[in-house]
Amino acid sequence: MSPRTTLGVLAVAATLTACDRTPPTSANDDAIPAVESPAGHYSLERAAMDRLARRLAQSLADPAFRSSLKAELDRSPFPEGKLHLQRLLQASGRRLLKEVARLSTSDEAEVEADAKLSIPVEVYFPVPAHRAGWTGGPDLLVASAREDREEPIAYDVTGRRQALSADAPPTTPVLAVVPVETNFDQPMGPGAEATCTECSPGGTGGGGTGSAAPTGMFMTYSHFVQDFEGWLKGSPEFEFHILGQAGTSDSLRDYQCAGAAASGYYRFDQNELDWTGSVLLFSQAQLNSYKTTHPNQNFRIIALEDDDTGCSIKFDSDRFRRVITAIQTEYPNVTGAKDTTSGILKYVKRANALQKILQAVYSFITTQDDFIGNAIEDKVVGQFFAGANWIIKGEDNKTNGWIKLEMR
């Protein structure tokens, strides 16, 4: 059983136990015993998410509340019409919080306590057909899940509880209550791009609106063999990270992210299996700085599917080391990358990358990103796909995708 599967089983078991407890009230909020273990803290958070989902479902029995929430979802400036639940509850003098408390026959203090105890959660219809088809009627479910592909626990508008399939959504529209994946401080509408003209390694941008396009390593095409995302989490959020030597150690650190949460020329939004465009992965200034600071050291290009906090790597460092070690054994000394020049041509090619340990902390009480794999030049792997020149290799040496890299 994998660590993610084990974690999901523990979370569901904890939820089933916690759902039978009496929710904290204004009289006993401070009486909640301190929980020392991460597993215990996780159980309390997961139970709070479940209670929020149940109260929200009960509130949706009211036509006026349904109309109000639908209007909020429809005008959301974020992908898939997402809303930050805790912020929504507190907005406009806590209007929604008061309505949820009244309609679910709860105390306001109970609702607020669960909103604080739960991790930040977002609310939206993750299935496009549900999002397009729901017209504001009572024919919907509200479901929560903490881990990717965990069996969702759902409630109808009467508060009746049911378990949903982790593999496929029901025909009834499902409003998801899941951990925040979206940067709610950065709407995705027109004008949202950052205008950083040049950012240092480890930054989030590299030239934006109104500045000359930087030179460096670009990706122009990518394909993944699956979405690495459970249906309740909606569309996948693919990211690419440049990992390089941390100081003079034998470890890696994250130098640059490219994805929906990045800025400027590093920002791109791939939520389908295929993507074509132009996105900067590492600028020439960053490449030069890295080579100066870390002579004779190369970098790794990795792909992941983000499950929690964009452009912030969160997965088990031991698992990462095992995968990289296995890939390094399969393709000795050529699992990294560097930029090079041949005549008048400049390109990115295979290179040795010694570091296998990632300086990243994975907390038991946060969701874990899916590590898709390490990019390796196709000549090394011996696999070739039209329009691509680098292959994404994951666990068990599986080919999880392929990309096109070029120097400009």
Protein backbone atom coordinates (compact mmCIF):
# COMPACT_ATOMS: atom_id res chain seq x y z
CA MET A 1 0.00 0.00 0.00
CA SER A 2 1.45 3.42 -1.02
CA PRO A 3 1.93 6.29 1.48
CA ARG A 4 -0.85 8.24 -0.24
CA THR A 5 -3.26 5.29 -0.06
CA THR A 6 -2.40 4.71 3.58
CA LEU A 7 -2.96 8.37 4.34
CA GLY A 8 -6.32 8.31 2.58
CA VAL A 9 -7.45 5.25 4.54
CA LEU A 10 -6.43 6.87 7.82
CA ALA A 11 -8.25 10.05 6.90
CA VAL A 12 -11.51 8.27 6.03
CA ALA A 13 -11.37 6.21 9.20
CA ALA A 14 -10.75 9.31 11.26
CA THR A 15 -13.63 11.08 9.55
CA LEU A 16 -16.11 8.30 10.26
CA THR A 17 -15.18 8.42 13.94
CA ALA A 18 -15.16 12.19 14.18
CA CYS A 19 -18.55 12.62 12.47
CA ASP A 20 -20.27 10.96 15.44
CA ARG A 21 -18.86 13.47 17.90
CA THR A 22 -20.83 16.46 19.14
CA PRO A 23 -19.44 19.52 17.35
CA PRO A 24 -17.77 22.10 19.61
CA THR A 25 -20.06 24.86 20.84
CA SER A 26 -19.39 28.34 22.16
CA ALA A 27 -19.47 26.85 25.64
CA ASN A 28 -16.92 24.14 25.07
CA ASP A 29 -14.65 25.52 22.31
CA ASP A 30 -11.80 26.01 24.78
CA ALA A 31 -12.37 22.57 26.26
CA ILE A 32 -11.12 20.75 23.15
CA PRO A 33 -8.12 18.76 24.35
CA ALA A 34 -4.73 19.54 22.89
CA VAL A 35 -3.76 17.05 20.20
CA GLU A 36 -0.08 16.21 20.13
CA SER A 37 0.11 13.83 17.19
CA PRO A 38 -0.17 14.90 13.52
CA ALA A 39 -2.70 12.10 13.00
CA GLY A 40 -4.90 13.46 15.77
CA HIS A 41 -4.69 16.98 14.39
CA TYR A 42 -5.52 15.64 10.94
CA SER A 43 -8.61 13.88 12.33
CA LEU A 44 -9.93 17.08 13.91
CA GLU A 45 -9.37 19.07 10.72
CA ARG A 46 -11.00 16.45 8.55
CA ALA A 47 -14.03 16.25 10.86
CA ALA A 48 -14.39 20.05 10.75
CA MET A 49 -14.40 19.94 6.93
CA ASP A 50 -17.13 17.31 7.05
CA ARG A 51 -19.31 19.40 9.39
CA LEU A 52 -18.88 22.46 7.19
CA ALA A 53 -20.01 20.41 4.19
CA ARG A 54 -23.05 19.10 6.05
CA ARG A 55 -24.14 22.55 7.26
CA LEU A 56 -23.64 24.03 3.81
CA ALA A 57 -25.77 21.25 2.31
CA GLN A 58 -28.56 21.82 4.84
CA SER A 59 -28.48 25.55 4.10
CA LEU A 60 -28.94 24.84 0.41
CA ALA A 61 -32.44 23.54 1.12
CA ASP A 62 -33.41 27.22 1.23
CA PRO A 63 -34.18 28.67 -2.24
CA ALA A 64 -32.92 32.16 -1.37
CA PHE A 65 -29.63 30.77 -0.05
CA ARG A 66 -29.18 28.65 -3.19
CA SER A 67 -29.77 31.69 -5.38
CA SER A 68 -27.29 33.76 -3.40
CA LEU A 69 -24.57 31.10 -3.51
CA LYS A 70 -25.13 30.46 -7.22
CA ALA A 71 -24.63 34.17 -7.88
CA GLU A 72 -21.34 34.08 -5.96
CA LEU A 73 -20.14 31.05 -7.91
CA ASP A 74 -21.18 32.55 -11.24
CA ARG A 75 -19.22 35.77 -10.69
CA SER A 76 -16.10 34.15 -9.28
CA PRO A 77 -12.97 35.44 -11.09
CA PHE A 78 -11.12 32.19 -10.41
CA PRO A 79 -10.80 29.01 -12.52
CA GLU A 80 -13.81 26.67 -12.39
CA GLY A 81 -15.79 29.30 -10.45
CA LYS A 82 -14.01 28.58 -7.18
CA LEU A 83 -14.72 30.38 -3.89
CA HIS A 84 -12.65 30.47 -0.71
CA LEU A 85 -15.15 29.25 1.88
CA GLN A 86 -13.63 30.80 5.00
CA ARG A 87 -13.34 34.20 3.30
CA LEU A 88 -16.88 33.92 1.97
CA LEU A 89 -18.24 33.15 5.44
CA GLN A 90 -16.58 36.28 6.86
CA ALA A 91 -17.45 38.65 4.00
CA SER A 92 -20.07 41.40 4.26
CA GLY A 93 -20.29 41.37 8.04
CA ARG A 94 -20.33 37.55 8.20
CA ARG A 95 -23.63 37.45 6.33
CA LEU A 96 -23.12 33.97 4.89
CA LEU A 97 -21.87 32.58 8.19
CA LYS A 98 -25.00 33.81 9.93
CA GLU A 99 -27.22 32.32 7.22
CA VAL A 100 -25.46 28.93 7.38
CA ALA A 101 -25.85 28.88 11.16
CA ARG A 102 -29.54 29.79 10.98
CA LEU A 103 -30.48 27.42 8.18
CA SER A 104 -28.55 24.46 9.64
CA THR A 105 -29.92 25.18 13.15
CA SER A 106 -26.40 25.70 14.50
CA ASP A 107 -24.84 28.35 16.67
CA GLU A 108 -22.74 30.92 14.84
CA ALA A 109 -19.90 30.02 17.19
CA GLU A 110 -20.07 26.39 16.03
CA VAL A 111 -19.79 27.35 12.37
CA GLU A 112 -16.96 29.77 13.06
CA ALA A 113 -15.10 27.21 15.21
CA ASP A 114 -15.22 24.63 12.40
CA ALA A 115 -14.12 27.20 9.81
CA LYS A 116 -11.06 27.96 11.97
CA LEU A 117 -10.33 24.32 12.81
CA SER A 118 -10.50 23.15 9.20
CA ILE A 119 -7.66 23.85 6.81
CA PRO A 120 -8.51 26.55 4.22
CA VAL A 121 -11.06 25.08 1.80
CA GLU A 122 -12.52 26.08 -1.53
CA VAL A 123 -16.05 25.48 -2.83
CA TYR A 124 -16.95 24.84 -6.45
CA PHE A 125 -18.44 22.34 -8.93
CA PRO A 126 -15.41 20.28 -10.04
CA VAL A 127 -17.28 18.42 -12.81
CA PRO A 128 -17.83 20.72 -15.84
CA ALA A 129 -21.17 19.11 -16.69
CA HIS A 130 -22.40 19.70 -13.13
CA ARG A 131 -21.17 23.29 -13.22
CA ALA A 132 -22.96 23.96 -16.49
CA GLY A 133 -26.09 21.99 -15.64
CA TRP A 134 -26.96 23.19 -12.13
CA THR A 135 -29.62 25.89 -12.40
CA GLY A 136 -30.02 26.59 -8.69
CA GLY A 137 -32.40 23.81 -7.69
CA PRO A 138 -32.21 21.49 -4.66
CA ASP A 139 -30.93 18.60 -6.78
CA LEU A 140 -27.32 18.67 -5.60
CA LEU A 141 -24.91 17.16 -3.09
CA VAL A 142 -22.15 18.79 -1.04
CA ALA A 143 -19.11 16.54 -0.69
CA SER A 144 -15.76 16.82 1.05
CA ALA A 145 -12.48 14.93 0.79
CA ARG A 146 -9.06 15.75 2.15
CA GLU A 147 -6.75 13.56 0.08
CA ASP A 148 -6.69 13.06 -3.67
CA ARG A 149 -8.84 10.04 -4.66
CA GLU A 150 -10.15 9.67 -1.12
CA GLU A 151 -13.75 8.40 -1.04
CA PRO A 152 -15.81 11.63 -0.85
CA ILE A 153 -18.39 11.98 1.94
CA ALA A 154 -21.48 13.79 0.67
CA TYR A 155 -24.70 15.27 2.05
CA ASP A 156 -27.96 16.15 0.33
CA VAL A 157 -29.99 19.21 1.29
CA THR A 158 -31.78 17.27 4.05
CA GLY A 159 -28.41 16.46 5.67
CA ARG A 160 -28.52 12.78 4.69
CA ARG A 161 -25.00 11.36 4.54
CA GLN A 162 -23.65 9.11 1.80
CA ALA A 163 -20.29 7.92 0.49
CA LEU A 164 -19.47 8.57 -3.17
CA SER A 165 -17.17 6.69 -5.50
CA ALA A 166 -13.61 7.96 -5.58
CA ASP A 167 -13.33 6.90 -9.22
CA ALA A 168 -16.33 8.52 -10.92
CA PRO A 169 -18.81 11.30 -10.07
CA PRO A 170 -22.56 10.68 -9.69
CA THR A 171 -25.07 12.13 -12.11
CA THR A 172 -26.34 14.48 -9.37
CA PRO A 173 -24.38 17.76 -9.32
CA VAL A 174 -21.73 17.79 -6.59
CA LEU A 175 -20.51 20.95 -4.87
CA ALA A 176 -17.02 20.17 -3.53
CA VAL A 177 -15.54 21.32 -0.22
CA VAL A 178 -11.84 20.55 -0.65
CA PRO A 179 -8.44 21.96 0.40
CA VAL A 180 -7.49 25.21 -1.31
CA GLU A 181 -5.43 24.80 -4.49
CA THR A 182 -6.12 28.27 -5.87
CA ASN A 183 -4.19 31.47 -5.25
CA PHE A 184 -7.15 33.58 -4.14
CA ASP A 185 -4.92 36.65 -3.88
CA GLN A 186 -4.31 36.54 -7.63
CA PRO A 187 -7.47 36.48 -9.77
CA MET A 188 -7.00 34.83 -13.16
CA GLY A 189 -8.84 37.41 -15.21
CA PRO A 190 -7.39 39.99 -17.63
CA GLY A 191 -4.57 42.07 -16.21
CA ALA A 192 -3.62 39.53 -13.55
CA GLU A 193 -0.11 38.95 -14.92
CA ALA A 194 2.79 40.23 -12.85
CA THR A 195 5.10 42.82 -14.38
CA CYS A 196 8.43 41.72 -12.96
CA THR A 197 11.17 42.52 -15.51
CA GLU A 198 13.82 40.20 -14.08
CA CYS A 199 13.63 38.05 -10.97
CA SER A 200 16.43 36.29 -9.14
CA PRO A 201 16.66 32.48 -8.96
CA GLY A 202 13.91 31.13 -6.76
CA GLY A 203 11.60 34.01 -7.67
CA THR A 204 8.22 33.78 -9.29
CA GLY A 205 8.59 35.90 -12.39
CA GLY A 206 10.96 36.75 -15.17
CA GLY A 207 9.73 39.49 -17.41
CA GLY A 208 6.10 40.41 -17.90
CA THR A 209 3.81 42.90 -19.53
CA GLY A 210 5.65 45.78 -21.13
CA SER A 211 9.16 44.31 -20.85
CA ALA A 212 11.38 42.73 -23.48
CA ALA A 213 10.98 38.98 -23.61
CA PRO A 214 13.84 37.30 -21.73
CA THR A 215 16.10 34.67 -23.19
CA GLY A 216 16.53 31.26 -21.63
CA MET A 217 15.04 27.77 -21.55
CA PHE A 218 11.45 27.60 -22.79
CA MET A 219 8.88 24.82 -23.01
CA THR A 220 6.62 24.88 -26.05
CA TYR A 221 4.72 21.60 -25.74
CA SER A 222 3.82 19.12 -23.03
CA HIS A 223 1.73 15.96 -22.81
CA PHE A 224 0.84 13.80 -19.81
CA VAL A 225 -0.53 10.27 -19.97
CA GLN A 226 -3.09 10.93 -17.19
CA ASP A 227 -4.34 13.85 -15.12
CA PHE A 228 -3.06 12.59 -11.73
CA GLU A 229 -6.15 14.17 -10.14
CA GLY A 230 -9.29 12.71 -8.53
CA TRP A 231 -12.61 13.96 -9.93
CA LEU A 232 -13.56 15.87 -6.76
CA LYS A 233 -10.43 18.01 -7.14
CA GLY A 234 -11.52 19.19 -10.60
CA SER A 235 -9.02 19.98 -13.32
CA PRO A 236 -5.35 19.13 -12.75
CA GLU A 237 -2.82 21.87 -12.04
CA PHE A 238 0.43 20.85 -13.73
CA GLU A 239 3.68 22.56 -12.75
CA PHE A 240 7.34 22.34 -13.72
CA HIS A 241 10.14 23.06 -11.27
CA ILE A 242 13.86 23.63 -11.75
CA LEU A 243 15.82 21.93 -8.97
CA GLY A 244 19.49 22.69 -8.39
CA GLN A 245 22.19 22.27 -5.79
CA ALA A 246 21.41 23.75 -2.38
CA GLY A 247 24.53 25.66 -1.35
CA THR A 248 27.49 23.26 -1.44
CA SER A 249 25.46 20.33 -0.12
CA ASP A 250 24.40 17.06 -1.73
CA SER A 251 20.79 18.27 -1.67
CA LEU A 252 18.48 20.02 -4.10
CA ARG A 253 16.38 23.11 -3.70
CA ASP A 254 13.64 24.62 -5.83
CA TYR A 255 15.00 27.44 -8.00
CA GLN A 256 12.03 28.22 -10.21
CA CYS A 257 8.43 27.20 -10.76
CA ALA A 258 6.40 27.47 -13.94
CA GLY A 259 2.65 27.04 -13.58
CA ALA A 260 -0.65 28.79 -12.98
CA ALA A 261 0.55 30.24 -9.67
CA ALA A 262 3.75 31.67 -11.18
CA SER A 263 4.07 35.14 -12.65
CA GLY A 264 5.22 36.84 -15.83
CA TYR A 265 6.76 34.63 -18.50
CA TYR A 266 6.77 31.66 -16.08
CA ARG A 267 3.02 31.61 -15.84
CA PHE A 268 1.03 29.07 -17.83
CA ASP A 269 -2.10 27.10 -17.05
CA GLN A 270 -2.11 23.49 -18.19
CA ASN A 271 -5.20 21.69 -16.95
CA GLU A 272 -5.57 19.29 -19.86
CA LEU A 273 -3.32 16.42 -20.92
CA ASP A 274 -1.95 18.39 -23.89
CA TRP A 275 -0.61 21.92 -23.92
CA THR A 276 1.02 24.00 -26.65
CA GLY A 277 2.38 27.49 -26.19
CA SER A 278 5.50 29.17 -24.86
CA VAL A 279 6.50 29.34 -21.21
CA LEU A 280 9.83 30.24 -19.66
CA LEU A 281 11.22 27.58 -17.32
CA PHE A 282 14.58 29.19 -16.46
CA SER A 283 15.91 32.50 -17.79
CA GLN A 284 19.42 32.90 -19.22
CA ALA A 285 20.20 35.23 -16.32
CA GLN A 286 19.20 32.48 -13.90
CA LEU A 287 21.21 29.90 -15.83
CA ASN A 288 24.30 32.14 -15.78
CA SER A 289 23.90 32.87 -12.10
CA TYR A 290 23.49 29.19 -11.28
CA LYS A 291 26.60 28.19 -13.24
CA THR A 292 28.63 30.92 -11.54
CA THR A 293 27.48 29.94 -8.06
CA HIS A 294 27.54 26.19 -8.70
CA PRO A 295 30.30 25.44 -11.22
CA ASN A 296 30.21 21.93 -12.68
CA GLN A 297 26.75 21.36 -11.19
CA ASN A 298 23.69 20.83 -13.35
CA PHE A 299 19.96 21.00 -12.62
CA ARG A 300 16.90 18.76 -12.74
CA ILE A 301 13.57 19.48 -14.40
CA ILE A 302 10.64 17.85 -12.62
CA ALA A 303 6.89 17.82 -13.23
CA LEU A 304 4.21 17.59 -10.58
CA GLU A 305 0.46 17.92 -10.20
CA ASP A 306 -0.24 20.46 -7.50
CA ASP A 307 -2.68 19.50 -4.75
CA ASP A 308 -2.04 22.26 -2.23
CA THR A 309 -0.58 25.77 -2.55
CA GLY A 310 0.60 26.53 -6.07
CA CYS A 311 4.33 26.64 -6.85
CA SER A 312 5.21 25.17 -3.47
CA ILE A 313 6.55 21.61 -3.56
CA LYS A 314 4.88 19.37 -1.00
CA PHE A 315 5.66 15.70 -1.22
CA ASP A 316 7.51 13.09 0.75
CA SER A 317 11.25 13.75 0.32
CA ASP A 318 12.05 10.07 0.96
CA ARG A 319 9.74 9.02 -1.86
CA PHE A 320 11.36 11.59 -4.13
CA ARG A 321 14.82 10.27 -3.30
CA ARG A 322 13.77 6.68 -4.04
CA VAL A 323 12.33 7.62 -7.43
CA ILE A 324 15.34 9.72 -8.43
CA THR A 325 17.75 7.02 -7.27
CA ALA A 326 15.92 4.40 -9.35
CA ILE A 327 15.91 6.65 -12.41
CA GLN A 328 19.60 7.45 -11.92
CA THR A 329 20.34 3.70 -11.78
CA GLU A 330 18.44 3.15 -15.02
CA TYR A 331 20.09 6.08 -16.82
CA PRO A 332 23.44 6.69 -15.05
CA ASN A 333 24.72 10.26 -14.92
CA VAL A 334 22.39 11.70 -17.56
CA THR A 335 19.14 12.49 -15.71
CA GLY A 336 19.88 16.20 -15.37
CA ALA A 337 20.09 19.11 -17.82
CA LYS A 338 22.30 22.04 -18.82
CA ASP A 339 22.37 24.66 -21.53
CA THR A 340 25.14 24.38 -24.10
CA THR A 341 26.31 25.91 -27.38
CA SER A 342 27.37 24.15 -30.58
CA GLY A 343 28.46 26.55 -33.29
CA ILE A 344 25.75 29.17 -33.51
CA LEU A 345 23.11 26.90 -31.96
CA LYS A 346 22.24 27.02 -28.29
CA TYR A 347 20.25 24.17 -26.78
CA VAL A 348 19.48 22.26 -23.61
CA LYS A 349 20.96 18.79 -23.34
CA ARG A 350 21.35 15.84 -21.00
CA ALA A 351 23.81 16.20 -18.13
CA ASN A 352 24.85 14.59 -14.88
CA ALA A 353 22.93 15.70 -11.81
CA LEU A 354 24.39 14.37 -8.59
CA GLN A 355 21.86 15.54 -6.03
CA LYS A 356 18.95 13.25 -5.17
CA ILE A 357 17.72 14.65 -1.84
CA LEU A 358 15.11 17.40 -1.95
CA GLN A 359 15.09 20.05 0.73
CA ALA A 360 11.31 20.05 1.14
CA VAL A 361 9.26 19.30 4.20
CA TYR A 362 6.12 17.23 3.79
CA SER A 363 3.71 17.64 6.67
CA PHE A 364 1.25 14.88 7.52
CA ILE A 365 -1.47 17.47 7.94
CA THR A 366 -1.24 18.94 4.43
CA THR A 367 -2.27 17.41 1.15
CA GLN A 368 0.55 15.97 -0.91
CA ASP A 369 1.41 16.90 -4.49
CA ASP A 370 1.71 14.18 -7.12
CA PHE A 371 5.33 13.82 -8.22
CA ILE A 372 4.91 13.00 -11.90
CA GLY A 373 8.56 12.58 -12.79
CA ASN A 374 12.00 13.77 -13.80
CA ALA A 375 12.61 15.05 -17.34
CA ILE A 376 15.28 13.11 -19.30
CA GLU A 377 16.41 13.78 -22.88
CA ASP A 378 14.73 11.41 -25.33
CA LYS A 379 18.08 10.22 -26.72
CA VAL A 380 18.92 8.83 -23.29
CA VAL A 381 15.59 7.09 -22.78
CA GLY A 382 15.36 5.78 -26.33
CA GLN A 383 11.75 6.91 -26.69
CA PHE A 384 10.69 9.47 -29.27
CA PHE A 385 7.39 11.33 -29.65
CA ALA A 386 6.41 13.81 -32.35
CA GLY A 387 6.94 17.39 -31.26
CA ALA A 388 8.84 16.47 -28.07
CA ASN A 389 12.49 15.99 -27.10
CA TRP A 390 12.41 15.24 -23.35
CA ILE A 391 10.61 12.39 -21.56
CA ILE A 392 9.01 12.55 -18.09
CA LYS A 393 10.00 9.43 -16.14
CA GLY A 394 8.24 8.57 -12.87
CA GLU A 395 8.02 5.71 -10.39
CA ASP A 396 8.91 2.25 -11.69
CA ASN A 397 10.51 3.94 -14.69
CA LYS A 398 7.06 4.70 -16.12
CA THR A 399 6.79 7.20 -18.92
CA ASN A 400 4.31 9.74 -17.58
CA GLY A 401 4.67 12.36 -20.29
CA TRP A 402 6.88 14.17 -22.76
CA ILE A 403 7.78 17.82 -23.43
CA LYS A 404 9.57 20.07 -25.94
CA LEU A 405 12.41 22.22 -24.60
CA GLU A 406 14.31 24.84 -26.53
CA MET A 407 16.77 27.66 -25.88
CA ARG A 408 15.97 31.13 -27.12
